[in-house]
Amino acid sequence: MKNDATARPQATQAPARLSKGDFVTALRKLLQEEGKTGKTSVDVRAATLHTDVGVYPARGHSMPTCCTVMYEEMQPGDEILLTPSGGKGPTLLVRYKFPRGESRS
């Protein structure tokens, strides 16, 4: 089948590829909100973060970018609970600990 977007239009398809900044903003916001609740940690799954930022699964998804951001936002004490084969995928699960240090730029 040809790669023709008109062949099977999907209303839920993401209109554009999500940027690294989209995921950084969403993850930092989540961590900030969860940190205010008094929890000692929060577990974040890549599929959930991606869905919060944009449609997943969908053609042209940005899962590799989502996972890269999750790894880059880790700080000492954070831990990877589940690593998908290949290192990047929807099952990536990271436990982020509180309190958080300063955000990176």
PDB file of N, CA and C in Angstrom:
ATOM      1  N   MET A   1       0.850  -1.192   0.000  1.00  0.00           N
ATOM      2  CA  MET A   1       0.000   0.000   0.000  1.00  0.00           C
ATOM      3  C   MET A   1       0.877   1.231   0.000  1.00  0.00           C
ATOM      4  N   LYS A   2       0.525   2.193  -0.824  1.00  0.00           N
ATOM      5  CA  LYS A   2       1.296   3.426  -0.897  1.00  0.00           C
ATOM      6  C   LYS A   2       1.127   4.236   0.377  1.00  0.00           C
ATOM      7  N   ASN A   3       2.132   5.039   0.662  1.00  0.00           N
ATOM      8  CA  ASN A   3       2.090   5.916   1.832  1.00  0.00           C
ATOM      9  C   ASN A   3       1.277   7.150   1.478  1.00  0.00           C
ATOM     10  N   ASP A   4      -0.034   6.995   1.482  1.00  0.00           N
ATOM     11  CA  ASP A   4      -0.937   8.058   1.077  1.00  0.00           C
ATOM     12  C   ASP A   4      -1.844   8.406   2.246  1.00  0.00           C
ATOM     13  N   ALA A   5      -1.687   9.588   2.787  1.00  0.00           N
ATOM     14  CA  ALA A   5      -2.456  10.013   3.973  1.00  0.00           C
ATOM     15  C   ALA A   5      -3.954  10.066   3.686  1.00  0.00           C
ATOM     16  N   THR A   6      -4.327  10.254   2.430  1.00  0.00           N
ATOM     17  CA  THR A   6      -5.742  10.345   2.102  1.00  0.00           C
ATOM     18  C   THR A   6      -6.394   8.971   2.000  1.00  0.00           C
ATOM     19  N   ALA A   7      -5.586   7.921   1.903  1.00  0.00           N
ATOM     20  CA  ALA A   7      -6.145   6.582   1.766  1.00  0.00           C
ATOM     21  C   ALA A   7      -6.924   6.178   3.017  1.00  0.00           C
ATOM     22  N   ARG A   8      -6.432   6.542   4.194  1.00  0.00           N
ATOM     23  CA  ARG A   8      -7.088   6.207   5.452  1.00  0.00           C
ATOM     24  C   ARG A   8      -6.974   7.389   6.396  1.00  0.00           C
ATOM     25  N   PRO A   9      -7.791   8.383   6.218  1.00  0.00           N
ATOM     26  CA  PRO A   9      -7.691   9.540   7.109  1.00  0.00           C
ATOM     27  C   PRO A   9      -7.999   9.152   8.545  1.00  0.00           C
ATOM     28  N   GLN A  10      -7.211   9.688   9.473  1.00  0.00           N
ATOM     29  CA  GLN A  10      -7.411   9.407  10.881  1.00  0.00           C
ATOM     30  C   GLN A  10      -7.582  10.716  11.625  1.00  0.00           C
ATOM     31  N   ALA A  11      -8.747  10.901  12.199  1.00  0.00           N
ATOM     32  CA  ALA A  11      -9.023  12.136  12.926  1.00  0.00           C
ATOM     33  C   ALA A  11      -8.134  12.275  14.146  1.00  0.00           C
ATOM     34  N   THR A  12      -7.674  11.145  14.681  1.00  0.00           N
ATOM     35  CA  THR A  12      -6.857  11.179  15.897  1.00  0.00           C
ATOM     36  C   THR A  12      -5.369  11.275  15.599  1.00  0.00           C
ATOM     37  N   GLN A  13      -4.998  11.363  14.348  1.00  0.00           N
ATOM     38  CA  GLN A  13      -3.582  11.418  13.999  1.00  0.00           C
ATOM     39  C   GLN A  13      -2.993  12.758  14.398  1.00  0.00           C
ATOM     40  N   ALA A  14      -1.789  12.740  14.951  1.00  0.00           N
ATOM     41  CA  ALA A  14      -1.112  13.975  15.339  1.00  0.00           C
ATOM     42  C   ALA A  14      -0.852  14.807  14.096  1.00  0.00           C
ATOM     43  N   PRO A  15      -1.174  16.093  14.130  1.00  0.00           N
ATOM     44  CA  PRO A  15      -1.008  16.924  12.947  1.00  0.00           C
ATOM     45  C   PRO A  15       0.450  17.192  12.599  1.00  0.00           C
ATOM     46  N   ALA A  16       1.330  17.192  13.564  1.00  0.00           N
ATOM     47  CA  ALA A  16       2.736  17.457  13.289  1.00  0.00           C
ATOM     48  C   ALA A  16       3.586  16.700  14.298  1.00  0.00           C
ATOM     49  N   ARG A  17       4.820  16.457  13.920  1.00  0.00           N
ATOM     50  CA  ARG A  17       5.742  15.772  14.815  1.00  0.00           C
ATOM     51  C   ARG A  17       5.971  16.635  16.051  1.00  0.00           C
ATOM     52  N   LEU A  18       5.908  16.013  17.186  1.00  0.00           N
ATOM     53  CA  LEU A  18       6.089  16.740  18.440  1.00  0.00           C
ATOM     54  C   LEU A  18       7.571  17.016  18.658  1.00  0.00           C
ATOM     55  N   SER A  19       7.876  18.133  19.282  1.00  0.00           N
ATOM     56  CA  SER A  19       9.266  18.508  19.497  1.00  0.00           C
ATOM     57  C   SER A  19       9.770  18.032  20.849  1.00  0.00           C
ATOM     58  N   LYS A  20      11.073  18.048  20.985  1.00  0.00           N
ATOM     59  CA  LYS A  20      11.697  17.715  22.255  1.00  0.00           C
ATOM     60  C   LYS A  20      11.178  18.655  23.343  1.00  0.00           C
ATOM     61  N   GLY A  21      11.038  19.923  23.004  1.00  0.00           N
ATOM     62  CA  GLY A  21      10.546  20.917  23.951  1.00  0.00           C
ATOM     63  C   GLY A  21       9.148  20.614  24.451  1.00  0.00           C
ATOM     64  N   ASP A  22       8.308  20.038  23.604  1.00  0.00           N
ATOM     65  CA  ASP A  22       6.952  19.664  24.016  1.00  0.00           C
ATOM     66  C   ASP A  22       7.005  18.645  25.157  1.00  0.00           C
ATOM     67  N   PHE A  23       7.892  17.669  25.024  1.00  0.00           N
ATOM     68  CA  PHE A  23       8.008  16.630  26.049  1.00  0.00           C
ATOM     69  C   PHE A  23       8.685  17.156  27.309  1.00  0.00           C
ATOM     70  N   VAL A  24       9.709  17.991  27.144  1.00  0.00           N
ATOM     71  CA  VAL A  24      10.389  18.575  28.300  1.00  0.00           C
ATOM     72  C   VAL A  24       9.388  19.372  29.133  1.00  0.00           C
ATOM     73  N   THR A  25       8.604  20.213  28.477  1.00  0.00           N
ATOM     74  CA  THR A  25       7.614  21.038  29.177  1.00  0.00           C
ATOM     75  C   THR A  25       6.604  20.174  29.915  1.00  0.00           C
ATOM     76  N   ALA A  26       6.076  19.155  29.251  1.00  0.00           N
ATOM     77  CA  ALA A  26       5.063  18.297  29.858  1.00  0.00           C
ATOM     78  C   ALA A  26       5.629  17.501  31.035  1.00  0.00           C
ATOM     79  N   LEU A  27       6.830  16.953  30.878  1.00  0.00           N
ATOM     80  CA  LEU A  27       7.413  16.147  31.949  1.00  0.00           C
ATOM     81  C   LEU A  27       7.751  17.021  33.153  1.00  0.00           C
ATOM     82  N   ARG A  28       8.336  18.173  32.926  1.00  0.00           N
ATOM     83  CA  ARG A  28       8.674  19.056  34.047  1.00  0.00           C
ATOM     84  C   ARG A  28       7.427  19.540  34.779  1.00  0.00           C
ATOM     85  N   LYS A  29       6.374  19.800  34.022  1.00  0.00           N
ATOM     86  CA  LYS A  29       5.119  20.229  34.646  1.00  0.00           C
ATOM     87  C   LYS A  29       4.559  19.095  35.517  1.00  0.00           C
ATOM     88  N   LEU A  30       4.569  17.890  34.980  1.00  0.00           N
ATOM     89  CA  LEU A  30       4.093  16.729  35.728  1.00  0.00           C
ATOM     90  C   LEU A  30       4.900  16.547  37.009  1.00  0.00           C
ATOM     91  N   LEU A  31       6.221  16.622  36.896  1.00  0.00           N
ATOM     92  CA  LEU A  31       7.075  16.438  38.066  1.00  0.00           C
ATOM     93  C   LEU A  31       6.845  17.537  39.097  1.00  0.00           C
ATOM     94  N   GLN A  32       6.640  18.743  38.623  1.00  0.00           N
ATOM     95  CA  GLN A  32       6.383  19.859  39.536  1.00  0.00           C
ATOM     96  C   GLN A  32       5.063  19.639  40.284  1.00  0.00           C
ATOM     97  N   GLU A  33       4.022  19.260  39.549  1.00  0.00           N
ATOM     98  CA  GLU A  33       2.711  19.038  40.170  1.00  0.00           C
ATOM     99  C   GLU A  33       2.749  17.872  41.148  1.00  0.00           C
ATOM    100  N   GLU A  34       3.370  16.776  40.761  1.00  0.00           N
ATOM    101  CA  GLU A  34       3.436  15.596  41.629  1.00  0.00           C
ATOM    102  C   GLU A  34       4.304  15.876  42.856  1.00  0.00           C
ATOM    103  N   GLY A  35       5.341  16.665  42.685  1.00  0.00           N
ATOM    104  CA  GLY A  35       6.216  17.005  43.796  1.00  0.00           C
ATOM    105  C   GLY A  35       5.516  17.806  44.875  1.00  0.00           C
ATOM    106  N   LYS A  36       4.510  18.571  44.495  1.00  0.00           N
ATOM    107  CA  LYS A  36       3.763  19.391  45.453  1.00  0.00           C
ATOM    108  C   LYS A  36       2.825  18.568  46.323  1.00  0.00           C
ATOM    109  N   THR A  37       2.576  17.331  45.941  1.00  0.00           N
ATOM    110  CA  THR A  37       1.620  16.496  46.681  1.00  0.00           C
ATOM    111  C   THR A  37       2.232  15.824  47.902  1.00  0.00           C
ATOM    112  N   GLY A  38       3.527  15.948  48.060  1.00  0.00           N
ATOM    113  CA  GLY A  38       4.185  15.324  49.203  1.00  0.00           C
ATOM    114  C   GLY A  38       4.663  13.908  48.940  1.00  0.00           C
ATOM    115  N   LYS A  39       4.512  13.428  47.719  1.00  0.00           N
ATOM    116  CA  LYS A  39       4.991  12.096  47.370  1.00  0.00           C
ATOM    117  C   LYS A  39       6.519  12.073  47.403  1.00  0.00           C
ATOM    118  N   THR A  40       7.080  10.889  47.555  1.00  0.00           N
ATOM    119  CA  THR A  40       8.536  10.759  47.520  1.00  0.00           C
ATOM    120  C   THR A  40       9.039  10.442  46.116  1.00  0.00           C
ATOM    121  N   SER A  41       8.130   9.997  45.244  1.00  0.00           N
ATOM    122  CA  SER A  41       8.510   9.682  43.871  1.00  0.00           C
ATOM    123  C   SER A  41       7.263   9.587  42.995  1.00  0.00           C
ATOM    124  N   VAL A  42       7.483   9.562  41.705  1.00  0.00           N
ATOM    125  CA  VAL A  42       6.404   9.315  40.753  1.00  0.00           C
ATOM    126  C   VAL A  42       6.972   8.458  39.622  1.00  0.00           C
ATOM    127  N   ASP A  43       6.191   7.473  39.189  1.00  0.00           N
ATOM    128  CA  ASP A  43       6.581   6.610  38.083  1.00  0.00           C
ATOM    129  C   ASP A  43       5.945   7.148  36.809  1.00  0.00           C
ATOM    130  N   VAL A  44       6.764   7.338  35.778  1.00  0.00           N
ATOM    131  CA  VAL A  44       6.279   7.870  34.506  1.00  0.00           C
ATOM    132  C   VAL A  44       6.569   6.855  33.409  1.00  0.00           C
ATOM    133  N   ARG A  45       5.523   6.472  32.685  1.00  0.00           N
ATOM    134  CA  ARG A  45       5.645   5.553  31.552  1.00  0.00           C
ATOM    135  C   ARG A  45       5.653   6.383  30.267  1.00  0.00           C
ATOM    136  N   ALA A  46       6.516   6.025  29.341  1.00  0.00           N
ATOM    137  CA  ALA A  46       6.658   6.773  28.091  1.00  0.00           C
ATOM    138  C   ALA A  46       5.339   6.873  27.321  1.00  0.00           C
ATOM    139  N   ALA A  47       4.589   5.791  27.248  1.00  0.00           N
ATOM    140  CA  ALA A  47       3.323   5.822  26.507  1.00  0.00           C
ATOM    141  C   ALA A  47       2.361   6.837  27.104  1.00  0.00           C
ATOM    142  N   THR A  48       2.334   6.932  28.426  1.00  0.00           N
ATOM    143  CA  THR A  48       1.436   7.870  29.094  1.00  0.00           C
ATOM    144  C   THR A  48       1.868   9.305  28.852  1.00  0.00           C
ATOM    145  N   LEU A  49       3.173   9.566  28.976  1.00  0.00           N
ATOM    146  CA  LEU A  49       3.680  10.920  28.724  1.00  0.00           C
ATOM    147  C   LEU A  49       3.395  11.330  27.284  1.00  0.00           C
ATOM    148  N   HIS A  50       3.661  10.425  26.351  1.00  0.00           N
ATOM    149  CA  HIS A  50       3.437  10.753  24.937  1.00  0.00           C
ATOM    150  C   HIS A  50       1.960  11.049  24.688  1.00  0.00           C
ATOM    151  N   THR A  51       1.079  10.268  25.270  1.00  0.00           N
ATOM    152  CA  THR A  51      -0.361  10.487  25.099  1.00  0.00           C
ATOM    153  C   THR A  51      -0.789  11.828  25.686  1.00  0.00           C
ATOM    154  N   ASP A  52      -0.181  12.217  26.819  1.00  0.00           N
ATOM    155  CA  ASP A  52      -0.494  13.513  27.430  1.00  0.00           C
ATOM    156  C   ASP A  52      -0.084  14.679  26.528  1.00  0.00           C
ATOM    157  N   VAL A  53       0.997  14.482  25.768  1.00  0.00           N
ATOM    158  CA  VAL A  53       1.515  15.554  24.915  1.00  0.00           C
ATOM    159  C   VAL A  53       0.850  15.544  23.545  1.00  0.00           C
ATOM    160  N   GLY A  54       0.631  14.361  23.020  1.00  0.00           N
ATOM    161  CA  GLY A  54       0.040  14.240  21.691  1.00  0.00           C
ATOM    162  C   GLY A  54      -0.409  12.818  21.460  1.00  0.00           C
ATOM    163  N   VAL A  55      -1.077  12.587  20.408  1.00  0.00           N
ATOM    164  CA  VAL A  55      -1.683  11.291  20.121  1.00  0.00           C
ATOM    165  C   VAL A  55      -0.626  10.190  20.020  1.00  0.00           C
ATOM    166  N   TYR A  56      -0.886   9.111  20.716  1.00  0.00           N
ATOM    167  CA  TYR A  56      -0.050   7.918  20.613  1.00  0.00           C
ATOM    168  C   TYR A  56      -0.944   6.717  20.892  1.00  0.00           C
ATOM    169  N   PRO A  57      -0.898   5.674  20.134  1.00  0.00           N
ATOM    170  CA  PRO A  57      -0.079   5.514  18.943  1.00  0.00           C
ATOM    171  C   PRO A  57      -0.705   6.208  17.740  1.00  0.00           C
ATOM    172  N   ALA A  58       0.117   6.663  16.871  1.00  0.00           N
ATOM    173  CA  ALA A  58      -0.330   7.308  15.634  1.00  0.00           C
ATOM    174  C   ALA A  58       0.817   7.288  14.641  1.00  0.00           C
ATOM    175  N   ARG A  59       0.486   7.359  13.401  1.00  0.00           N
ATOM    176  CA  ARG A  59       1.512   7.430  12.375  1.00  0.00           C
ATOM    177  C   ARG A  59       2.337   8.690  12.630  1.00  0.00           C
ATOM    178  N   GLY A  60       3.639   8.565  12.549  1.00  0.00           N
ATOM    179  CA  GLY A  60       4.500   9.724  12.741  1.00  0.00           C
ATOM    180  C   GLY A  60       4.666  10.104  14.198  1.00  0.00           C
ATOM    181  N   HIS A  61       4.463   9.140  15.105  1.00  0.00           N
ATOM    182  CA  HIS A  61       4.607   9.429  16.533  1.00  0.00           C
ATOM    183  C   HIS A  61       6.040   9.861  16.847  1.00  0.00           C
ATOM    184  N   SER A  62       6.238  10.358  18.053  1.00  0.00           N
ATOM    185  CA  SER A  62       7.544  10.859  18.481  1.00  0.00           C
ATOM    186  C   SER A  62       8.066  10.106  19.705  1.00  0.00           C
ATOM    187  N   MET A  63       7.828   8.807  19.759  1.00  0.00           N
ATOM    188  CA  MET A  63       8.232   8.033  20.925  1.00  0.00           C
ATOM    189  C   MET A  63       9.735   8.085  21.191  1.00  0.00           C
ATOM    190  N   PRO A  64      10.608   8.013  20.173  1.00  0.00           N
ATOM    191  CA  PRO A  64      12.039   8.111  20.471  1.00  0.00           C
ATOM    192  C   PRO A  64      12.400   9.436  21.155  1.00  0.00           C
ATOM    193  N   THR A  65      11.786  10.521  20.726  1.00  0.00           N
ATOM    194  CA  THR A  65      12.043  11.825  21.332  1.00  0.00           C
ATOM    195  C   THR A  65      11.527  11.853  22.761  1.00  0.00           C
ATOM    196  N   CYS A  66      10.361  11.310  22.983  1.00  0.00           N
ATOM    197  CA  CYS A  66       9.770  11.229  24.320  1.00  0.00           C
ATOM    198  C   CYS A  66      10.708  10.494  25.269  1.00  0.00           C
ATOM    199  N   CYS A  67      11.224   9.356  24.851  1.00  0.00           N
ATOM    200  CA  CYS A  67      12.116   8.556  25.690  1.00  0.00           C
ATOM    201  C   CYS A  67      13.435   9.274  25.941  1.00  0.00           C
ATOM    202  N   THR A  68      13.965   9.931  24.926  1.00  0.00           N
ATOM    203  CA  THR A  68      15.204  10.688  25.096  1.00  0.00           C
ATOM    204  C   THR A  68      15.037  11.729  26.193  1.00  0.00           C
ATOM    205  N   VAL A  69      13.933  12.438  26.167  1.00  0.00           N
ATOM    206  CA  VAL A  69      13.656  13.456  27.186  1.00  0.00           C
ATOM    207  C   VAL A  69      13.550  12.808  28.568  1.00  0.00           C
ATOM    208  N   MET A  70      12.876  11.680  28.651  1.00  0.00           N
ATOM    209  CA  MET A  70      12.745  11.006  29.945  1.00  0.00           C
ATOM    210  C   MET A  70      14.108  10.640  30.513  1.00  0.00           C
ATOM    211  N   TYR A  71      15.008  10.144  29.665  1.00  0.00           N
ATOM    212  CA  TYR A  71      16.359   9.809  30.120  1.00  0.00           C
ATOM    213  C   TYR A  71      17.127  11.069  30.515  1.00  0.00           C
ATOM    214  N   GLU A  72      17.037  12.102  29.696  1.00  0.00           N
ATOM    215  CA  GLU A  72      17.797  13.332  29.946  1.00  0.00           C
ATOM    216  C   GLU A  72      17.343  14.071  31.198  1.00  0.00           C
ATOM    217  N   GLU A  73      16.087  13.905  31.586  1.00  0.00           N
ATOM    218  CA  GLU A  73      15.569  14.593  32.764  1.00  0.00           C
ATOM    219  C   GLU A  73      15.851  13.838  34.068  1.00  0.00           C
ATOM    220  N   MET A  74      16.459  12.671  33.945  1.00  0.00           N
ATOM    221  CA  MET A  74      16.792  11.917  35.151  1.00  0.00           C
ATOM    222  C   MET A  74      17.882  12.635  35.935  1.00  0.00           C
ATOM    223  N   GLN A  75      17.770  12.546  37.253  1.00  0.00           N
ATOM    224  CA  GLN A  75      18.746  13.128  38.169  1.00  0.00           C
ATOM    225  C   GLN A  75      19.246  12.032  39.096  1.00  0.00           C
ATOM    226  N   PRO A  76      20.335  12.284  39.837  1.00  0.00           N
ATOM    227  CA  PRO A  76      20.820  11.263  40.770  1.00  0.00           C
ATOM    228  C   PRO A  76      19.701  10.811  41.708  1.00  0.00           C
ATOM    229  N   GLY A  77      19.580   9.505  41.859  1.00  0.00           N
ATOM    230  CA  GLY A  77      18.524   8.933  42.695  1.00  0.00           C
ATOM    231  C   GLY A  77      17.338   8.418  41.902  1.00  0.00           C
ATOM    232  N   ASP A  78      17.116   8.957  40.701  1.00  0.00           N
ATOM    233  CA  ASP A  78      16.039   8.460  39.839  1.00  0.00           C
ATOM    234  C   ASP A  78      16.442   7.078  39.335  1.00  0.00           C
ATOM    235  N   GLU A  79      15.460   6.267  38.980  1.00  0.00           N
ATOM    236  CA  GLU A  79      15.800   4.935  38.506  1.00  0.00           C
ATOM    237  C   GLU A  79      14.905   4.486  37.354  1.00  0.00           C
ATOM    238  N   ILE A  80      15.509   3.712  36.481  1.00  0.00           N
ATOM    239  CA  ILE A  80      14.770   3.121  35.368  1.00  0.00           C
ATOM    240  C   ILE A  80      14.192   1.812  35.876  1.00  0.00           C
ATOM    241  N   LEU A  81      12.878   1.699  35.849  1.00  0.00           N
ATOM    242  CA  LEU A  81      12.205   0.493  36.332  1.00  0.00           C
ATOM    243  C   LEU A  81      12.005  -0.535  35.228  1.00  0.00           C
ATOM    244  N   LEU A  82      11.842  -0.059  33.993  1.00  0.00           N
ATOM    245  CA  LEU A  82      11.634  -0.960  32.866  1.00  0.00           C
ATOM    246  C   LEU A  82      12.223  -0.326  31.618  1.00  0.00           C
ATOM    247  N   THR A  83      13.121  -1.059  30.990  1.00  0.00           N
ATOM    248  CA  THR A  83      13.741  -0.588  29.753  1.00  0.00           C
ATOM    249  C   THR A  83      13.256  -1.463  28.607  1.00  0.00           C
ATOM    250  N   PRO A  84      12.640  -0.864  27.601  1.00  0.00           N
ATOM    251  CA  PRO A  84      12.209  -1.658  26.446  1.00  0.00           C
ATOM    252  C   PRO A  84      13.419  -2.126  25.642  1.00  0.00           C
ATOM    253  N   SER A  85      13.251  -3.175  24.859  1.00  0.00           N
ATOM    254  CA  SER A  85      14.354  -3.611  24.001  1.00  0.00           C
ATOM    255  C   SER A  85      14.684  -2.455  23.063  1.00  0.00           C
ATOM    256  N   GLY A  86      15.931  -2.172  22.911  1.00  0.00           N
ATOM    257  CA  GLY A  86      16.349  -1.042  22.086  1.00  0.00           C
ATOM    258  C   GLY A  86      16.455   0.240  22.894  1.00  0.00           C
ATOM    259  N   GLY A  87      15.970   0.228  24.136  1.00  0.00           N
ATOM    260  CA  GLY A  87      16.112   1.384  25.016  1.00  0.00           C
ATOM    261  C   GLY A  87      15.024   2.434  24.915  1.00  0.00           C
ATOM    262  N   LYS A  88      14.329   2.469  23.790  1.00  0.00           N
ATOM    263  CA  LYS A  88      13.290   3.481  23.607  1.00  0.00           C
ATOM    264  C   LYS A  88      12.014   2.827  23.107  1.00  0.00           C
ATOM    265  N   GLY A  89      10.931   3.061  23.848  1.00  0.00           N
ATOM    266  CA  GLY A  89       9.654   2.482  23.465  1.00  0.00           C
ATOM    267  C   GLY A  89       8.604   2.841  24.493  1.00  0.00           C
ATOM    268  N   PRO A  90       7.353   2.530  24.213  1.00  0.00           N
ATOM    269  CA  PRO A  90       6.244   2.941  25.068  1.00  0.00           C
ATOM    270  C   PRO A  90       6.272   2.343  26.469  1.00  0.00           C
ATOM    271  N   THR A  91       7.003   1.236  26.662  1.00  0.00           N
ATOM    272  CA  THR A  91       7.029   0.607  27.982  1.00  0.00           C
ATOM    273  C   THR A  91       8.107   1.180  28.900  1.00  0.00           C
ATOM    274  N   LEU A  92       8.919   2.112  28.413  1.00  0.00           N
ATOM    275  CA  LEU A  92       9.941   2.725  29.270  1.00  0.00           C
ATOM    276  C   LEU A  92       9.263   3.267  30.523  1.00  0.00           C
ATOM    277  N   LEU A  93       9.790   2.905  31.681  1.00  0.00           N
ATOM    278  CA  LEU A  93       9.208   3.322  32.950  1.00  0.00           C
ATOM    279  C   LEU A  93      10.321   3.850  33.846  1.00  0.00           C
ATOM    280  N   VAL A  94      10.194   5.120  34.252  1.00  0.00           N
ATOM    281  CA  VAL A  94      11.205   5.772  35.077  1.00  0.00           C
ATOM    282  C   VAL A  94      10.567   6.246  36.372  1.00  0.00           C
ATOM    283  N   ARG A  95      11.265   6.007  37.476  1.00  0.00           N
ATOM    284  CA  ARG A  95      10.831   6.537  38.772  1.00  0.00           C
ATOM    285  C   ARG A  95      11.663   7.784  39.061  1.00  0.00           C
ATOM    286  N   TYR A  96      10.978   8.918  39.099  1.00  0.00           N
ATOM    287  CA  TYR A  96      11.611  10.194  39.408  1.00  0.00           C
ATOM    288  C   TYR A  96      11.389  10.471  40.891  1.00  0.00           C
ATOM    289  N   LYS A  97      12.466  10.771  41.609  1.00  0.00           N
ATOM    290  CA  LYS A  97      12.402  10.987  43.057  1.00  0.00           C
ATOM    291  C   LYS A  97      12.233  12.463  43.387  1.00  0.00           C
ATOM    292  N   PHE A  98      11.643  12.710  44.545  1.00  0.00           N
ATOM    293  CA  PHE A  98      11.473  14.072  45.060  1.00  0.00           C
ATOM    294  C   PHE A  98      12.263  14.205  46.348  1.00  0.00           C
ATOM    295  N   PRO A  99      12.758  15.374  46.683  1.00  0.00           N
ATOM    296  CA  PRO A  99      12.622  16.600  45.905  1.00  0.00           C
ATOM    297  C   PRO A  99      13.560  16.582  44.695  1.00  0.00           C
ATOM    298  N   ARG A 100      13.206  17.377  43.703  1.00  0.00           N
ATOM    299  CA  ARG A 100      13.994  17.500  42.485  1.00  0.00           C
ATOM    300  C   ARG A 100      15.028  18.591  42.665  1.00  0.00           C
ATOM    301  N   GLY A 101      16.169  18.435  42.013  1.00  0.00           N
ATOM    302  CA  GLY A 101      17.167  19.503  41.970  1.00  0.00           C
ATOM    303  C   GLY A 101      16.700  20.540  40.971  1.00  0.00           C
ATOM    304  N   GLU A 102      17.518  21.503  40.688  1.00  0.00           N
ATOM    305  CA  GLU A 102      17.151  22.536  39.709  1.00  0.00           C
ATOM    306  C   GLU A 102      16.999  21.919  38.340  1.00  0.00           C
ATOM    307  N   SER A 103      16.060  22.447  37.567  1.00  0.00           N
ATOM    308  CA  SER A 103      15.851  21.978  36.203  1.00  0.00           C
ATOM    309  C   SER A 103      17.023  22.374  35.340  1.00  0.00           C
ATOM    310  N   ARG A 104      17.299  21.507  34.378  1.00  0.00           N
ATOM    311  CA  ARG A 104      18.359  21.819  33.421  1.00  0.00           C
ATOM    312  C   ARG A 104      17.793  22.751  32.362  1.00  0.00           C
ATOM    313  N   SER A 105      18.666  23.494  31.729  1.00  0.00           N
ATOM    314  CA  SER A 105      18.219  24.420  30.670  1.00  0.00           C
ATOM    315  C   SER A 105      18.260  23.739  29.340  1.00  0.00           C
TER     316      SER A 105
END
